[in-house]
Amino acid sequence: MGKSTIAVNLTRQLAAHGHDALLVDLDPNGHASVGLGFDDRYHDTDEDVGDVFFGETEPEAVIYDTGFEFDLLPSSENLEQVEREIVVGDVFQPSSLLKREVVDPLLGERYDYIVTDSPAYRSRLTDNALVATANLVLPLAPGNEAVSGLERTIERQIAPLRQHMDVDVLALVPNMLSDRIDQRTQDRRLLERLNAHESLQDRIPNFARITDWEAVDAGEISPRPGIRDRTSITKAYGERQPLLDYDPDCDQLACFDELAHVTEAGGVVRRG
């Protein structure tokens, strides 16, 4: 659910900046859709994103106002079947369906930004999200495989697409952190490896960047980098609201707001 939380709150912050924004939920689990209160639409497969992909309905027919200043094209419990039909069907350019049917007609005409929440695994749906957006925000949860998993993602998913189109990583986002970083915790190991990776420095948001570990260990500074685990984030999901609307005083809103600025700028902008 970490990536869905980022997708929902990034879209909400873009809307708060005055942009017309659309969230497209391509995850068959539908966490983003359910987390915004669209349980009924997720279970209603009479007309869904699959019909849009195959040209059987216009995207406007399955786009809904969330009530939070942005729109949603919800997921469907039928998405796994849709994906199978993409794979086995006689579909022209199967990785370009989202771009052709949703993004190209709507981006710049009706919406300033279109954010997708795609599956966490390589699939036709993930490929459609990559081709349609050409920009990624990648969440990294604590664990020994986080950074090596990122390298595999770049190698397996992004590198092949770069042979045919411009695909880039806008930001790498340490997510769901909760431990202190002045001790040898998993949070510390993730942040150390990420901040030591020279080729990734311009993808690390300011809220996740650590440049002086000696000061951290000496207790001279006590940063809480990354998106931290907060009760408000969990409760916002349960209340079917973005974090900004559930708890506008939550300290983690600054992280989502920076991600909105990263999206607007097309990359991380260093402070001072």
C-alpha atoms as a PDB file:
ATOM      1  CA  MET A   1       0.000   0.000   0.000  1.00  0.00           C
ATOM      2  CA  GLY A   2       3.031   2.343   0.267  1.00  0.00           C
ATOM      3  CA  LYS A   3       3.128   3.177  -3.440  1.00  0.00           C
ATOM      4  CA  SER A   4      -0.649   3.738  -3.509  1.00  0.00           C
ATOM      5  CA  THR A   5      -0.349   6.148  -0.576  1.00  0.00           C
ATOM      6  CA  ILE A   6       2.312   8.083  -2.460  1.00  0.00           C
ATOM      7  CA  ALA A   7       0.238   8.127  -5.663  1.00  0.00           C
ATOM      8  CA  VAL A   8      -2.890   9.404  -3.889  1.00  0.00           C
ATOM      9  CA  ASN A   9      -1.104  12.063  -1.873  1.00  0.00           C
ATOM     10  CA  LEU A  10       1.113  13.212  -4.737  1.00  0.00           C
ATOM     11  CA  THR A  11      -1.993  13.728  -6.876  1.00  0.00           C
ATOM     12  CA  ARG A  12      -3.704  15.557  -4.013  1.00  0.00           C
ATOM     13  CA  GLN A  13      -0.753  17.906  -3.547  1.00  0.00           C
ATOM     14  CA  LEU A  14      -0.627  18.663  -7.280  1.00  0.00           C
ATOM     15  CA  ALA A  15      -4.297  19.582  -7.030  1.00  0.00           C
ATOM     16  CA  ALA A  16      -3.555  21.744  -3.990  1.00  0.00           C
ATOM     17  CA  HIS A  17      -1.005  23.592  -6.127  1.00  0.00           C
ATOM     18  CA  GLY A  18      -3.838  24.561  -8.450  1.00  0.00           C
ATOM     19  CA  HIS A  19      -3.389  21.892 -11.123  1.00  0.00           C
ATOM     20  CA  ASP A  20      -6.084  19.798 -12.766  1.00  0.00           C
ATOM     21  CA  ALA A  21      -4.953  16.285 -11.880  1.00  0.00           C
ATOM     22  CA  LEU A  22      -6.092  12.743 -12.631  1.00  0.00           C
ATOM     23  CA  LEU A  23      -5.091   9.577 -10.799  1.00  0.00           C
ATOM     24  CA  VAL A  24      -5.269   6.364 -12.840  1.00  0.00           C
ATOM     25  CA  ASP A  25      -5.341   3.246 -10.661  1.00  0.00           C
ATOM     26  CA  LEU A  26      -3.856   0.347 -12.659  1.00  0.00           C
ATOM     27  CA  ASP A  27      -3.164  -1.884  -9.658  1.00  0.00           C
ATOM     28  CA  PRO A  28      -5.520  -4.910  -9.664  1.00  0.00           C
ATOM     29  CA  ASN A  29      -5.524  -4.716  -5.851  1.00  0.00           C
ATOM     30  CA  GLY A  30      -7.216  -1.329  -6.076  1.00  0.00           C
ATOM     31  CA  HIS A  31      -5.707   0.135  -2.897  1.00  0.00           C
ATOM     32  CA  ALA A  32      -5.808   3.706  -4.195  1.00  0.00           C
ATOM     33  CA  SER A  33      -9.406   3.388  -5.402  1.00  0.00           C
ATOM     34  CA  VAL A  34     -10.629   1.790  -2.180  1.00  0.00           C
ATOM     35  CA  GLY A  35      -8.619   4.290  -0.128  1.00  0.00           C
ATOM     36  CA  LEU A  36     -10.555   7.089  -1.794  1.00  0.00           C
ATOM     37  CA  GLY A  37     -13.931   5.479  -1.107  1.00  0.00           C
ATOM     38  CA  PHE A  38     -14.550   3.929  -4.520  1.00  0.00           C
ATOM     39  CA  ASP A  39     -15.147   0.391  -3.295  1.00  0.00           C
ATOM     40  CA  ASP A  40     -18.339   0.059  -5.348  1.00  0.00           C
ATOM     41  CA  ARG A  41     -16.629   1.174  -8.550  1.00  0.00           C
ATOM     42  CA  TYR A  42     -13.792  -1.285  -7.921  1.00  0.00           C
ATOM     43  CA  HIS A  43     -16.256  -4.172  -7.703  1.00  0.00           C
ATOM     44  CA  ASP A  44     -18.458  -2.959 -10.582  1.00  0.00           C
ATOM     45  CA  THR A  45     -16.986  -4.461 -13.751  1.00  0.00           C
ATOM     46  CA  ASP A  46     -19.831  -3.519 -16.096  1.00  0.00           C
ATOM     47  CA  GLU A  47     -17.772  -0.613 -17.403  1.00  0.00           C
ATOM     48  CA  ASP A  48     -14.157  -0.072 -16.383  1.00  0.00           C
ATOM     49  CA  VAL A  49     -10.652   0.793 -17.527  1.00  0.00           C
ATOM     50  CA  GLY A  50     -10.530  -2.374 -19.638  1.00  0.00           C
ATOM     51  CA  ASP A  51     -13.341  -1.027 -21.794  1.00  0.00           C
ATOM     52  CA  VAL A  52     -11.316   2.143 -22.280  1.00  0.00           C
ATOM     53  CA  PHE A  53      -8.190   0.177 -23.235  1.00  0.00           C
ATOM     54  CA  PHE A  54     -10.055  -1.746 -25.920  1.00  0.00           C
ATOM     55  CA  GLY A  55     -11.851   1.298 -27.286  1.00  0.00           C
ATOM     56  CA  GLU A  56     -15.297   0.208 -26.114  1.00  0.00           C
ATOM     57  CA  THR A  57     -15.956   3.359 -24.070  1.00  0.00           C
ATOM     58  CA  GLU A  58     -14.541   6.841 -23.645  1.00  0.00           C
ATOM     59  CA  PRO A  59     -12.348   7.486 -20.578  1.00  0.00           C
ATOM     60  CA  GLU A  60     -14.766  10.181 -19.353  1.00  0.00           C
ATOM     61  CA  ALA A  61     -17.369   7.441 -18.766  1.00  0.00           C
ATOM     62  CA  VAL A  62     -15.246   5.880 -15.998  1.00  0.00           C
ATOM     63  CA  ILE A  63     -13.555   8.978 -14.545  1.00  0.00           C
ATOM     64  CA  TYR A  64     -14.988  10.286 -11.275  1.00  0.00           C
ATOM     65  CA  ASP A  65     -14.627  13.368  -9.115  1.00  0.00           C
ATOM     66  CA  THR A  66     -13.056  12.259  -5.828  1.00  0.00           C
ATOM     67  CA  GLY A  67     -14.324  15.294  -3.929  1.00  0.00           C
ATOM     68  CA  PHE A  68     -10.703  16.181  -3.119  1.00  0.00           C
ATOM     69  CA  GLU A  69      -9.988  18.506  -6.048  1.00  0.00           C
ATOM     70  CA  PHE A  70      -8.739  15.752  -8.369  1.00  0.00           C
ATOM     71  CA  ASP A  71     -10.312  13.012 -10.470  1.00  0.00           C
ATOM     72  CA  LEU A  72      -9.893   9.235 -10.419  1.00  0.00           C
ATOM     73  CA  LEU A  73     -10.025   6.533 -13.044  1.00  0.00           C
ATOM     74  CA  PRO A  74     -10.496   3.644 -10.595  1.00  0.00           C
ATOM     75  CA  SER A  75      -9.119   0.153 -10.673  1.00  0.00           C
ATOM     76  CA  SER A  76     -11.349  -2.852 -11.185  1.00  0.00           C
ATOM     77  CA  GLU A  77     -11.345  -6.335  -9.745  1.00  0.00           C
ATOM     78  CA  ASN A  78     -11.476  -7.351 -13.402  1.00  0.00           C
ATOM     79  CA  LEU A  79      -8.033  -5.873 -14.173  1.00  0.00           C
ATOM     80  CA  GLU A  80      -6.180  -9.189 -14.044  1.00  0.00           C
ATOM     81  CA  GLN A  81      -8.522 -10.505 -16.733  1.00  0.00           C
ATOM     82  CA  VAL A  82      -7.960  -7.311 -18.712  1.00  0.00           C
ATOM     83  CA  GLU A  83      -4.227  -7.901 -18.502  1.00  0.00           C
ATOM     84  CA  ARG A  84      -4.604 -11.447 -19.823  1.00  0.00           C
ATOM     85  CA  GLU A  85      -6.620 -10.113 -22.737  1.00  0.00           C
ATOM     86  CA  ILE A  86      -3.882  -7.587 -23.473  1.00  0.00           C
ATOM     87  CA  VAL A  87      -1.306 -10.373 -23.568  1.00  0.00           C
ATOM     88  CA  VAL A  88      -3.189 -12.915 -25.663  1.00  0.00           C
ATOM     89  CA  GLY A  89      -5.415 -10.639 -27.718  1.00  0.00           C
ATOM     90  CA  ASP A  90      -4.668  -9.181 -31.102  1.00  0.00           C
ATOM     91  CA  VAL A  91      -3.912  -5.746 -29.643  1.00  0.00           C
ATOM     92  CA  PHE A  92      -1.919  -3.172 -31.598  1.00  0.00           C
ATOM     93  CA  GLN A  93       1.013  -1.892 -29.514  1.00  0.00           C
ATOM     94  CA  PRO A  94      -0.176  -3.509 -26.249  1.00  0.00           C
ATOM     95  CA  SER A  95       2.042  -1.297 -24.060  1.00  0.00           C
ATOM     96  CA  SER A  96       0.610   1.915 -25.522  1.00  0.00           C
ATOM     97  CA  LEU A  97      -3.064   1.493 -24.688  1.00  0.00           C
ATOM     98  CA  LEU A  98      -3.103   3.845 -21.689  1.00  0.00           C
ATOM     99  CA  LYS A  99      -1.149   6.465 -23.593  1.00  0.00           C
ATOM    100  CA  ARG A 100      -3.343   6.240 -26.679  1.00  0.00           C
ATOM    101  CA  GLU A 101      -6.755   5.983 -25.000  1.00  0.00           C
ATOM    102  CA  VAL A 102      -6.316   8.123 -21.875  1.00  0.00           C
ATOM    103  CA  VAL A 103      -3.156  10.207 -21.694  1.00  0.00           C
ATOM    104  CA  ASP A 104      -2.935  11.554 -25.245  1.00  0.00           C
ATOM    105  CA  PRO A 105      -6.605  12.670 -25.377  1.00  0.00           C
ATOM    106  CA  LEU A 106      -6.688  14.168 -21.870  1.00  0.00           C
ATOM    107  CA  LEU A 107      -3.232  15.444 -20.896  1.00  0.00           C
ATOM    108  CA  GLY A 108      -2.946  19.114 -21.703  1.00  0.00           C
ATOM    109  CA  GLU A 109      -6.579  19.281 -22.727  1.00  0.00           C
ATOM    110  CA  ARG A 110      -8.410  18.406 -19.525  1.00  0.00           C
ATOM    111  CA  TYR A 111      -5.577  17.655 -17.085  1.00  0.00           C
ATOM    112  CA  ASP A 112      -2.228  19.231 -16.280  1.00  0.00           C
ATOM    113  CA  TYR A 113      -0.936  16.033 -14.672  1.00  0.00           C
ATOM    114  CA  ILE A 114      -1.875  12.367 -14.862  1.00  0.00           C
ATOM    115  CA  VAL A 115      -0.492  10.114 -12.111  1.00  0.00           C
ATOM    116  CA  THR A 116      -0.680   6.316 -12.320  1.00  0.00           C
ATOM    117  CA  ASP A 117      -0.581   3.728  -9.561  1.00  0.00           C
ATOM    118  CA  SER A 118       0.671   0.582 -11.251  1.00  0.00           C
ATOM    119  CA  PRO A 119       1.329  -2.963  -9.977  1.00  0.00           C
ATOM    120  CA  ALA A 120       4.507  -3.555  -7.989  1.00  0.00           C
ATOM    121  CA  TYR A 121       5.554  -6.277 -10.434  1.00  0.00           C
ATOM    122  CA  ARG A 122       6.480  -6.250 -14.125  1.00  0.00           C
ATOM    123  CA  SER A 123       3.351  -6.645 -16.234  1.00  0.00           C
ATOM    124  CA  ARG A 124       1.533  -5.267 -19.256  1.00  0.00           C
ATOM    125  CA  LEU A 125      -0.202  -2.849 -16.924  1.00  0.00           C
ATOM    126  CA  THR A 126       3.147  -1.633 -15.565  1.00  0.00           C
ATOM    127  CA  ASP A 127       4.475  -1.269 -19.108  1.00  0.00           C
ATOM    128  CA  ASN A 128       1.413   0.792 -20.024  1.00  0.00           C
ATOM    129  CA  ALA A 129       2.048   3.090 -17.061  1.00  0.00           C
ATOM    130  CA  LEU A 130       5.714   3.511 -18.011  1.00  0.00           C
ATOM    131  CA  VAL A 131       5.002   4.226 -21.665  1.00  0.00           C
ATOM    132  CA  ALA A 132       2.167   6.645 -20.822  1.00  0.00           C
ATOM    133  CA  THR A 133       3.962   8.697 -18.175  1.00  0.00           C
ATOM    134  CA  ALA A 134       7.676   8.298 -19.055  1.00  0.00           C
ATOM    135  CA  ASN A 135       8.487   9.423 -15.487  1.00  0.00           C
ATOM    136  CA  LEU A 136       8.644   7.376 -12.295  1.00  0.00           C
ATOM    137  CA  VAL A 137       8.530   8.018  -8.571  1.00  0.00           C
ATOM    138  CA  LEU A 138       9.857   4.844  -6.964  1.00  0.00           C
ATOM    139  CA  PRO A 139       9.169   4.053  -3.282  1.00  0.00           C
ATOM    140  CA  LEU A 140      11.790   2.085  -1.336  1.00  0.00           C
ATOM    141  CA  ALA A 141      10.814   0.351   1.894  1.00  0.00           C
ATOM    142  CA  PRO A 142      13.448  -0.637   4.484  1.00  0.00           C
ATOM    143  CA  GLY A 143      14.986  -4.049   3.912  1.00  0.00           C
ATOM    144  CA  ASN A 144      18.220  -5.557   2.716  1.00  0.00           C
ATOM    145  CA  GLU A 145      17.009  -5.844  -0.878  1.00  0.00           C
ATOM    146  CA  ALA A 146      15.657  -2.337  -1.296  1.00  0.00           C
ATOM    147  CA  VAL A 147      18.531  -0.741  -3.232  1.00  0.00           C
ATOM    148  CA  SER A 148      19.570  -3.891  -5.079  1.00  0.00           C
ATOM    149  CA  GLY A 149      15.909  -4.351  -5.968  1.00  0.00           C
ATOM    150  CA  LEU A 150      15.921  -0.815  -7.345  1.00  0.00           C
ATOM    151  CA  GLU A 151      18.922  -1.621  -9.521  1.00  0.00           C
ATOM    152  CA  ARG A 152      17.123  -4.684 -10.871  1.00  0.00           C
ATOM    153  CA  THR A 153      14.042  -2.560 -11.580  1.00  0.00           C
ATOM    154  CA  ILE A 154      16.111  -0.121 -13.619  1.00  0.00           C
ATOM    155  CA  GLU A 155      17.865  -2.940 -15.465  1.00  0.00           C
ATOM    156  CA  ARG A 156      14.778  -5.028 -16.250  1.00  0.00           C
ATOM    157  CA  GLN A 157      12.026  -2.465 -16.700  1.00  0.00           C
ATOM    158  CA  ILE A 158      13.508   0.903 -17.545  1.00  0.00           C
ATOM    159  CA  ALA A 159      16.614   0.113 -19.569  1.00  0.00           C
ATOM    160  CA  PRO A 160      14.752  -1.817 -22.333  1.00  0.00           C
ATOM    161  CA  LEU A 161      12.218   0.993 -22.701  1.00  0.00           C
ATOM    162  CA  ARG A 162      14.991   3.570 -22.993  1.00  0.00           C
ATOM    163  CA  GLN A 163      15.953   1.950 -26.287  1.00  0.00           C
ATOM    164  CA  HIS A 164      12.671   3.209 -27.743  1.00  0.00           C
ATOM    165  CA  MET A 165      11.642   6.228 -25.663  1.00  0.00           C
ATOM    166  CA  ASP A 166      12.690   8.698 -22.980  1.00  0.00           C
ATOM    167  CA  VAL A 167      11.923   7.174 -19.566  1.00  0.00           C
ATOM    168  CA  ASP A 168      13.327   8.661 -16.396  1.00  0.00           C
ATOM    169  CA  VAL A 169      13.191   8.296 -12.617  1.00  0.00           C
ATOM    170  CA  LEU A 170      12.071  11.571 -11.054  1.00  0.00           C
ATOM    171  CA  ALA A 171      12.567  10.571  -7.426  1.00  0.00           C
ATOM    172  CA  LEU A 172      13.570   7.670  -5.200  1.00  0.00           C
ATOM    173  CA  VAL A 173      11.471   7.771  -2.055  1.00  0.00           C
ATOM    174  CA  PRO A 174      12.412   5.965   1.171  1.00  0.00           C
ATOM    175  CA  ASN A 175       9.002   5.076   2.501  1.00  0.00           C
ATOM    176  CA  MET A 176       7.386   3.596   5.617  1.00  0.00           C
ATOM    177  CA  LEU A 177      10.358   4.438   7.843  1.00  0.00           C
ATOM    178  CA  SER A 178       9.952   4.349  11.619  1.00  0.00           C
ATOM    179  CA  ASP A 179      13.298   3.640  13.303  1.00  0.00           C
ATOM    180  CA  ARG A 180      16.060   5.940  14.503  1.00  0.00           C
ATOM    181  CA  ILE A 181      18.916   6.410  12.087  1.00  0.00           C
ATOM    182  CA  ASP A 182      21.672   6.941  14.680  1.00  0.00           C
ATOM    183  CA  GLN A 183      21.651   3.172  15.206  1.00  0.00           C
ATOM    184  CA  ARG A 184      22.229   0.223  12.864  1.00  0.00           C
ATOM    185  CA  THR A 185      18.613  -0.203  11.865  1.00  0.00           C
ATOM    186  CA  GLN A 186      17.154  -1.213   8.501  1.00  0.00           C
ATOM    187  CA  ASP A 187      16.106   2.390   8.011  1.00  0.00           C
ATOM    188  CA  ARG A 188      19.729   3.463   8.496  1.00  0.00           C
ATOM    189  CA  ARG A 189      21.050   0.850   6.061  1.00  0.00           C
ATOM    190  CA  LEU A 190      18.562   1.880   3.360  1.00  0.00           C
ATOM    191  CA  LEU A 191      19.402   5.576   3.706  1.00  0.00           C
ATOM    192  CA  GLU A 192      23.151   4.921   3.823  1.00  0.00           C
ATOM    193  CA  ARG A 193      23.127   2.816   0.666  1.00  0.00           C
ATOM    194  CA  LEU A 194      20.866   5.193  -1.188  1.00  0.00           C
ATOM    195  CA  ASN A 195      22.824   8.315  -0.252  1.00  0.00           C
ATOM    196  CA  ALA A 196      26.144   6.616  -1.037  1.00  0.00           C
ATOM    197  CA  HIS A 197      25.024   5.633  -4.555  1.00  0.00           C
ATOM    198  CA  GLU A 198      26.716   8.328  -6.670  1.00  0.00           C
ATOM    199  CA  SER A 199      24.614   7.796  -9.795  1.00  0.00           C
ATOM    200  CA  LEU A 200      21.372   8.281  -7.846  1.00  0.00           C
ATOM    201  CA  GLN A 201      22.127  11.525  -6.006  1.00  0.00           C
ATOM    202  CA  ASP A 202      20.015  13.736  -8.253  1.00  0.00           C
ATOM    203  CA  ARG A 203      17.006  11.452  -7.682  1.00  0.00           C
ATOM    204  CA  ILE A 204      16.997  11.694  -3.878  1.00  0.00           C
ATOM    205  CA  PRO A 205      14.484  14.274  -2.565  1.00  0.00           C
ATOM    206  CA  ASN A 206      15.681  16.760   0.017  1.00  0.00           C
ATOM    207  CA  PHE A 207      13.562  15.044   2.666  1.00  0.00           C
ATOM    208  CA  ALA A 208      15.561  11.820   2.224  1.00  0.00           C
ATOM    209  CA  ARG A 209      19.075  13.212   1.760  1.00  0.00           C
ATOM    210  CA  ILE A 210      21.713  12.758   4.453  1.00  0.00           C
ATOM    211  CA  THR A 211      25.150  14.309   3.884  1.00  0.00           C
ATOM    212  CA  ASP A 212      26.695  14.223   7.369  1.00  0.00           C
ATOM    213  CA  TRP A 213      26.419  10.852   9.087  1.00  0.00           C
ATOM    214  CA  GLU A 214      29.106  11.827  11.619  1.00  0.00           C
ATOM    215  CA  ALA A 215      26.866  14.612  12.910  1.00  0.00           C
ATOM    216  CA  VAL A 216      23.966  12.145  13.102  1.00  0.00           C
ATOM    217  CA  ASP A 217      26.045   9.649  15.109  1.00  0.00           C
ATOM    218  CA  ALA A 218      27.370  12.373  17.396  1.00  0.00           C
ATOM    219  CA  GLY A 219      23.832  13.485  18.190  1.00  0.00           C
ATOM    220  CA  GLU A 220      24.477  16.935  16.748  1.00  0.00           C
ATOM    221  CA  ILE A 221      21.523  16.581  14.372  1.00  0.00           C
ATOM    222  CA  SER A 222      18.497  14.306  14.634  1.00  0.00           C
ATOM    223  CA  PRO A 223      16.846  14.189  11.217  1.00  0.00           C
ATOM    224  CA  ARG A 224      13.848  12.019  10.439  1.00  0.00           C
ATOM    225  CA  PRO A 225      14.387  11.485   6.707  1.00  0.00           C
ATOM    226  CA  GLY A 226      12.070   9.699   4.296  1.00  0.00           C
ATOM    227  CA  ILE A 227       8.335   9.319   4.544  1.00  0.00           C
ATOM    228  CA  ARG A 228       7.816   8.214   8.113  1.00  0.00           C
ATOM    229  CA  ASP A 229       5.231   5.767   9.416  1.00  0.00           C
ATOM    230  CA  ARG A 230       2.494   7.891  10.956  1.00  0.00           C
ATOM    231  CA  THR A 231      -0.849   6.902  12.467  1.00  0.00           C
ATOM    232  CA  SER A 232      -2.474   9.720  10.503  1.00  0.00           C
ATOM    233  CA  ILE A 233      -1.487   8.118   7.193  1.00  0.00           C
ATOM    234  CA  THR A 234      -3.079   4.820   8.204  1.00  0.00           C
ATOM    235  CA  LYS A 235      -6.178   6.501   9.582  1.00  0.00           C
ATOM    236  CA  ALA A 236      -6.555   8.671   6.467  1.00  0.00           C
ATOM    237  CA  TYR A 237      -6.777   5.507   4.382  1.00  0.00           C
ATOM    238  CA  GLY A 238      -9.387   4.081   6.752  1.00  0.00           C
ATOM    239  CA  GLU A 239     -11.388   7.285   6.538  1.00  0.00           C
ATOM    240  CA  ARG A 240     -11.133   7.217   2.710  1.00  0.00           C
ATOM    241  CA  GLN A 241      -9.328  10.552   2.503  1.00  0.00           C
ATOM    242  CA  PRO A 242      -5.971  11.894   1.330  1.00  0.00           C
ATOM    243  CA  LEU A 243      -3.681  12.930   4.174  1.00  0.00           C
ATOM    244  CA  LEU A 244      -4.076  16.661   3.450  1.00  0.00           C
ATOM    245  CA  ASP A 245      -7.812  16.435   4.058  1.00  0.00           C
ATOM    246  CA  TYR A 246      -7.653  14.087   7.039  1.00  0.00           C
ATOM    247  CA  ASP A 247      -4.801  15.728   8.944  1.00  0.00           C
ATOM    248  CA  PRO A 248      -3.536  18.989   7.414  1.00  0.00           C
ATOM    249  CA  ASP A 249      -1.081  19.366  10.309  1.00  0.00           C
ATOM    250  CA  CYS A 250       0.719  16.042   9.747  1.00  0.00           C
ATOM    251  CA  ASP A 251       4.471  16.562   9.443  1.00  0.00           C
ATOM    252  CA  GLN A 252       4.684  14.131   6.510  1.00  0.00           C
ATOM    253  CA  LEU A 253       2.692  16.419   4.218  1.00  0.00           C
ATOM    254  CA  ALA A 254       5.936  18.288   3.541  1.00  0.00           C
ATOM    255  CA  CYS A 255       7.306  15.136   1.877  1.00  0.00           C
ATOM    256  CA  PHE A 256       4.330  14.747  -0.444  1.00  0.00           C
ATOM    257  CA  ASP A 257       4.442  18.462  -1.186  1.00  0.00           C
ATOM    258  CA  GLU A 258       8.096  18.217  -2.230  1.00  0.00           C
ATOM    259  CA  LEU A 259       7.201  15.291  -4.517  1.00  0.00           C
ATOM    260  CA  ALA A 260       4.617  17.555  -6.152  1.00  0.00           C
ATOM    261  CA  HIS A 261       7.324  20.180  -6.694  1.00  0.00           C
ATOM    262  CA  VAL A 262       9.642  17.486  -8.103  1.00  0.00           C
ATOM    263  CA  THR A 263       6.907  16.502 -10.539  1.00  0.00           C
ATOM    264  CA  GLU A 264       6.357  20.106 -11.573  1.00  0.00           C
ATOM    265  CA  ALA A 265      10.079  20.747 -12.046  1.00  0.00           C
ATOM    266  CA  GLY A 266      10.765  17.430 -13.790  1.00  0.00           C
ATOM    267  CA  GLY A 267      13.359  16.494 -11.191  1.00  0.00           C
ATOM    268  CA  VAL A 268      14.724  17.154  -7.705  1.00  0.00           C
ATOM    269  CA  VAL A 269      15.640  20.768  -6.983  1.00  0.00           C
ATOM    270  CA  ARG A 270      18.240  21.155  -4.239  1.00  0.00           C
ATOM    271  CA  ARG A 271      17.550  23.645  -1.484  1.00  0.00           C
ATOM    272  CA  GLY A 272      20.028  26.439  -0.989  1.00  0.00           C
END
